[in-house]
Amino acid sequence: GGSMGYHAAVRDIDIKLKLDDLEEVMRLLKERHENRSGNYEDYGPFGTRNAEDPVPADTFPDALGEIGWYGERDDALGEYRVYRDGTKYREEEEVFWAAVAPVVVPGSFVEFVGEDGELWRWDFRRGALIESSGVIAWVPTTGSN
């Protein structure tokens, strides 16, 4: 990840939650909010950035909006798919997704490319967020046919 003012775009994404789990997501976020250390990055996704009004968001769409994400309900499949809006990277995005990882559908992932070309990916496995760094391998193709 990067610091304030850092930009990162999504290369690829497939993150799903079950509609039935959205209440549990909010419970996890509120729990994380109550245990926050008071650091800026601990704060944004779990409420407002206004110290006078430290109230966690009430709904999952509101909570997603706090970190610059949004989602789409699919009632037929019983799923909620999430997407990332824009390229501004917020440190608290990782705090948010690590907190709700226990209820993200396993196999969900997102890949980022930073403004400096850095590649990283979050995989949701066994109820946890796993971060990996990416490398590009250059393979000679001249004369390979």
C-alpha atoms as a PDB file:
ATOM      1  CA  GLY A   1       0.000   0.000   0.000  1.00  0.00           C
ATOM      2  CA  GLY A   2       0.935   3.663  -0.016  1.00  0.00           C
ATOM      3  CA  SER A   3       0.669   6.779   2.117  1.00  0.00           C
ATOM      4  CA  MET A   4      -1.533   9.860   1.944  1.00  0.00           C
ATOM      5  CA  GLY A   5      -2.105  11.033  -1.599  1.00  0.00           C
ATOM      6  CA  TYR A   6      -1.102   7.701  -3.097  1.00  0.00           C
ATOM      7  CA  HIS A   7      -3.106   6.395  -6.037  1.00  0.00           C
ATOM      8  CA  ALA A   8      -3.770   2.797  -6.969  1.00  0.00           C
ATOM      9  CA  ALA A   9      -6.055   1.320  -9.604  1.00  0.00           C
ATOM     10  CA  VAL A  10      -7.808  -2.034  -9.558  1.00  0.00           C
ATOM     11  CA  ARG A  11      -6.402  -4.452 -12.170  1.00  0.00           C
ATOM     12  CA  ASP A  12      -8.881  -7.214 -11.466  1.00  0.00           C
ATOM     13  CA  ILE A  13     -11.526  -7.875  -8.815  1.00  0.00           C
ATOM     14  CA  ASP A  14     -13.981 -10.535  -7.768  1.00  0.00           C
ATOM     15  CA  ILE A  15     -15.189  -9.953  -4.205  1.00  0.00           C
ATOM     16  CA  LYS A  16     -18.487 -11.351  -3.028  1.00  0.00           C
ATOM     17  CA  LEU A  17     -20.350 -11.556   0.247  1.00  0.00           C
ATOM     18  CA  LYS A  18     -23.526 -13.472   0.987  1.00  0.00           C
ATOM     19  CA  LEU A  19     -26.540 -11.207   1.554  1.00  0.00           C
ATOM     20  CA  ASP A  20     -27.294 -13.302   4.657  1.00  0.00           C
ATOM     21  CA  ASP A  21     -23.908 -12.296   6.124  1.00  0.00           C
ATOM     22  CA  LEU A  22     -24.261  -8.513   5.852  1.00  0.00           C
ATOM     23  CA  GLU A  23     -25.500  -8.180   9.443  1.00  0.00           C
ATOM     24  CA  GLU A  24     -22.443 -10.100  10.616  1.00  0.00           C
ATOM     25  CA  VAL A  25     -20.257  -7.771   8.523  1.00  0.00           C
ATOM     26  CA  MET A  26     -21.676  -4.773  10.365  1.00  0.00           C
ATOM     27  CA  ARG A  27     -21.161  -6.511  13.705  1.00  0.00           C
ATOM     28  CA  LEU A  28     -17.485  -7.106  12.815  1.00  0.00           C
ATOM     29  CA  LEU A  29     -17.046  -3.479  11.728  1.00  0.00           C
ATOM     30  CA  LYS A  30     -18.626  -2.136  14.917  1.00  0.00           C
ATOM     31  CA  GLU A  31     -16.427  -4.440  16.988  1.00  0.00           C
ATOM     32  CA  ARG A  32     -13.348  -3.183  15.108  1.00  0.00           C
ATOM     33  CA  HIS A  33     -14.577   0.380  15.623  1.00  0.00           C
ATOM     34  CA  GLU A  34     -14.845  -0.129  19.379  1.00  0.00           C
ATOM     35  CA  ASN A  35     -11.338  -1.597  19.523  1.00  0.00           C
ATOM     36  CA  ARG A  36      -9.737   1.088  17.367  1.00  0.00           C
ATOM     37  CA  SER A  37      -6.575   2.706  18.650  1.00  0.00           C
ATOM     38  CA  GLY A  38      -7.541   6.216  17.588  1.00  0.00           C
ATOM     39  CA  ASN A  39      -5.112   6.248  14.651  1.00  0.00           C
ATOM     40  CA  TYR A  40      -6.415   7.914  11.511  1.00  0.00           C
ATOM     41  CA  GLU A  41      -6.366   4.685   9.515  1.00  0.00           C
ATOM     42  CA  ASP A  42      -8.230   2.901  12.306  1.00  0.00           C
ATOM     43  CA  TYR A  43     -10.950   5.472  12.133  1.00  0.00           C
ATOM     44  CA  GLY A  44     -12.312   6.196   8.693  1.00  0.00           C
ATOM     45  CA  PRO A  45     -14.055   2.960   7.774  1.00  0.00           C
ATOM     46  CA  PHE A  46     -15.713   2.543  11.145  1.00  0.00           C
ATOM     47  CA  GLY A  47     -17.483   5.843  11.340  1.00  0.00           C
ATOM     48  CA  THR A  48     -16.783   9.420  10.530  1.00  0.00           C
ATOM     49  CA  ARG A  49     -13.440  11.189  10.571  1.00  0.00           C
ATOM     50  CA  ASN A  50     -15.005  13.725  12.907  1.00  0.00           C
ATOM     51  CA  ALA A  51     -13.826  13.039  16.466  1.00  0.00           C
ATOM     52  CA  GLU A  52     -16.962  14.745  17.823  1.00  0.00           C
ATOM     53  CA  ASP A  53     -19.169  12.090  16.235  1.00  0.00           C
ATOM     54  CA  PRO A  54     -17.421   8.697  16.368  1.00  0.00           C
ATOM     55  CA  VAL A  55     -20.386   6.648  15.199  1.00  0.00           C
ATOM     56  CA  PRO A  56     -19.924   3.630  12.965  1.00  0.00           C
ATOM     57  CA  ALA A  57     -21.825   3.588   9.683  1.00  0.00           C
ATOM     58  CA  ASP A  58     -25.267   1.947  10.001  1.00  0.00           C
ATOM     59  CA  THR A  59     -25.420   0.023   6.746  1.00  0.00           C
ATOM     60  CA  PHE A  60     -22.921  -1.910   4.688  1.00  0.00           C
ATOM     61  CA  PRO A  61     -23.315   0.402   1.647  1.00  0.00           C
ATOM     62  CA  ASP A  62     -22.546   3.391   3.926  1.00  0.00           C
ATOM     63  CA  ALA A  63     -19.529   1.614   5.395  1.00  0.00           C
ATOM     64  CA  LEU A  64     -18.261   0.780   1.888  1.00  0.00           C
ATOM     65  CA  GLY A  65     -18.767   4.400   0.850  1.00  0.00           C
ATOM     66  CA  GLU A  66     -16.535   5.525   3.718  1.00  0.00           C
ATOM     67  CA  ILE A  67     -13.572   3.769   2.063  1.00  0.00           C
ATOM     68  CA  GLY A  68     -14.490   4.678  -1.520  1.00  0.00           C
ATOM     69  CA  TRP A  69     -16.064   1.340  -2.485  1.00  0.00           C
ATOM     70  CA  TYR A  70     -19.585   0.436  -3.575  1.00  0.00           C
ATOM     71  CA  GLY A  71     -21.597  -2.716  -4.151  1.00  0.00           C
ATOM     72  CA  GLU A  72     -24.424  -4.339  -6.062  1.00  0.00           C
ATOM     73  CA  ARG A  73     -27.041  -6.677  -4.635  1.00  0.00           C
ATOM     74  CA  ASP A  74     -27.907  -9.788  -6.577  1.00  0.00           C
ATOM     75  CA  ASP A  75     -31.031 -11.099  -4.885  1.00  0.00           C
ATOM     76  CA  ALA A  76     -31.330 -14.018  -7.295  1.00  0.00           C
ATOM     77  CA  LEU A  77     -27.904 -15.349  -6.246  1.00  0.00           C
ATOM     78  CA  GLY A  78     -28.155 -14.065  -2.678  1.00  0.00           C
ATOM     79  CA  GLU A  79     -24.872 -12.219  -3.155  1.00  0.00           C
ATOM     80  CA  TYR A  80     -23.448  -8.752  -2.715  1.00  0.00           C
ATOM     81  CA  ARG A  81     -20.599  -7.929  -5.131  1.00  0.00           C
ATOM     82  CA  VAL A  82     -18.235  -5.096  -4.316  1.00  0.00           C
ATOM     83  CA  TYR A  83     -16.232  -2.739  -6.499  1.00  0.00           C
ATOM     84  CA  ARG A  84     -13.774   0.054  -5.897  1.00  0.00           C
ATOM     85  CA  ASP A  85     -14.485   3.616  -6.966  1.00  0.00           C
ATOM     86  CA  GLY A  86     -11.667   5.743  -8.386  1.00  0.00           C
ATOM     87  CA  THR A  87      -7.954   5.425  -7.676  1.00  0.00           C
ATOM     88  CA  LYS A  88      -7.295   7.235  -4.383  1.00  0.00           C
ATOM     89  CA  TYR A  89      -5.773   4.636  -2.062  1.00  0.00           C
ATOM     90  CA  ARG A  90      -6.729   4.863   1.598  1.00  0.00           C
ATOM     91  CA  GLU A  91      -4.715   3.034   4.257  1.00  0.00           C
ATOM     92  CA  GLU A  92      -7.961   2.119   6.000  1.00  0.00           C
ATOM     93  CA  GLU A  93      -9.160   0.046   3.040  1.00  0.00           C
ATOM     94  CA  GLU A  94      -6.954  -2.796   4.247  1.00  0.00           C
ATOM     95  CA  VAL A  95      -8.075  -2.315   7.863  1.00  0.00           C
ATOM     96  CA  PHE A  96     -11.697  -2.574   6.682  1.00  0.00           C
ATOM     97  CA  TRP A  97     -11.249  -5.691   4.543  1.00  0.00           C
ATOM     98  CA  ALA A  98      -9.111  -7.457   7.155  1.00  0.00           C
ATOM     99  CA  ALA A  99     -11.909  -6.843   9.682  1.00  0.00           C
ATOM    100  CA  VAL A 100     -14.671  -8.321   7.505  1.00  0.00           C
ATOM    101  CA  ALA A 101     -12.544 -11.079   5.916  1.00  0.00           C
ATOM    102  CA  PRO A 102     -14.190 -13.822   8.034  1.00  0.00           C
ATOM    103  CA  VAL A 103     -17.418 -13.398   6.051  1.00  0.00           C
ATOM    104  CA  VAL A 104     -16.047 -12.626   2.584  1.00  0.00           C
ATOM    105  CA  VAL A 105     -16.772 -15.513   0.189  1.00  0.00           C
ATOM    106  CA  PRO A 106     -13.563 -17.604   0.009  1.00  0.00           C
ATOM    107  CA  GLY A 107     -11.759 -17.247  -3.307  1.00  0.00           C
ATOM    108  CA  SER A 108     -12.615 -13.546  -3.516  1.00  0.00           C
ATOM    109  CA  PHE A 109      -9.678 -11.336  -4.521  1.00  0.00           C
ATOM    110  CA  VAL A 110      -8.634  -7.898  -5.725  1.00  0.00           C
ATOM    111  CA  GLU A 111      -5.454  -6.886  -7.573  1.00  0.00           C
ATOM    112  CA  PHE A 112      -4.010  -3.371  -7.407  1.00  0.00           C
ATOM    113  CA  VAL A 113      -1.430  -1.458  -9.391  1.00  0.00           C
ATOM    114  CA  GLY A 114       0.059   1.557  -7.624  1.00  0.00           C
ATOM    115  CA  GLU A 115       0.993   4.866  -9.212  1.00  0.00           C
ATOM    116  CA  ASP A 116       4.638   3.759  -8.993  1.00  0.00           C
ATOM    117  CA  GLY A 117       3.909   0.458 -10.757  1.00  0.00           C
ATOM    118  CA  GLU A 118       3.852  -1.596  -7.549  1.00  0.00           C
ATOM    119  CA  LEU A 119       1.575  -4.645  -7.843  1.00  0.00           C
ATOM    120  CA  TRP A 120      -0.208  -6.247  -4.926  1.00  0.00           C
ATOM    121  CA  ARG A 121      -3.189  -8.479  -4.359  1.00  0.00           C
ATOM    122  CA  TRP A 122      -5.539  -9.407  -1.536  1.00  0.00           C
ATOM    123  CA  ASP A 123      -6.875 -12.949  -1.431  1.00  0.00           C
ATOM    124  CA  PHE A 124      -9.640 -13.963   0.947  1.00  0.00           C
ATOM    125  CA  ARG A 125      -8.869 -17.457   2.216  1.00  0.00           C
ATOM    126  CA  ARG A 126      -9.853 -19.323   5.392  1.00  0.00           C
ATOM    127  CA  GLY A 127     -11.506 -16.213   6.815  1.00  0.00           C
ATOM    128  CA  ALA A 128      -8.437 -14.007   6.423  1.00  0.00           C
ATOM    129  CA  LEU A 129      -7.077 -11.379   4.065  1.00  0.00           C
ATOM    130  CA  ILE A 130      -3.759 -12.524   2.572  1.00  0.00           C
ATOM    131  CA  GLU A 131      -1.643  -9.831   0.865  1.00  0.00           C
ATOM    132  CA  SER A 132       0.805 -10.782  -1.893  1.00  0.00           C
ATOM    133  CA  SER A 133       3.260  -8.698  -3.922  1.00  0.00           C
ATOM    134  CA  GLY A 134       3.274  -9.110  -7.661  1.00  0.00           C
ATOM    135  CA  VAL A 135       6.204  -9.254 -10.057  1.00  0.00           C
ATOM    136  CA  ILE A 136       6.176  -9.117 -13.827  1.00  0.00           C
ATOM    137  CA  ALA A 137       8.331 -11.779 -15.490  1.00  0.00           C
ATOM    138  CA  TRP A 138       9.741 -10.817 -18.887  1.00  0.00           C
ATOM    139  CA  VAL A 139      10.111 -13.908 -21.073  1.00  0.00           C
ATOM    140  CA  PRO A 140      11.942 -13.659 -24.439  1.00  0.00           C
ATOM    141  CA  THR A 141       9.614 -14.536 -27.300  1.00  0.00           C
ATOM    142  CA  THR A 142      11.903 -13.686 -30.198  1.00  0.00           C
ATOM    143  CA  GLY A 143      12.831 -16.865 -32.046  1.00  0.00           C
ATOM    144  CA  SER A 144      10.590 -18.943 -29.821  1.00  0.00           C
ATOM    145  CA  ASN A 145       8.267 -20.058 -32.608  1.00  0.00           C
END
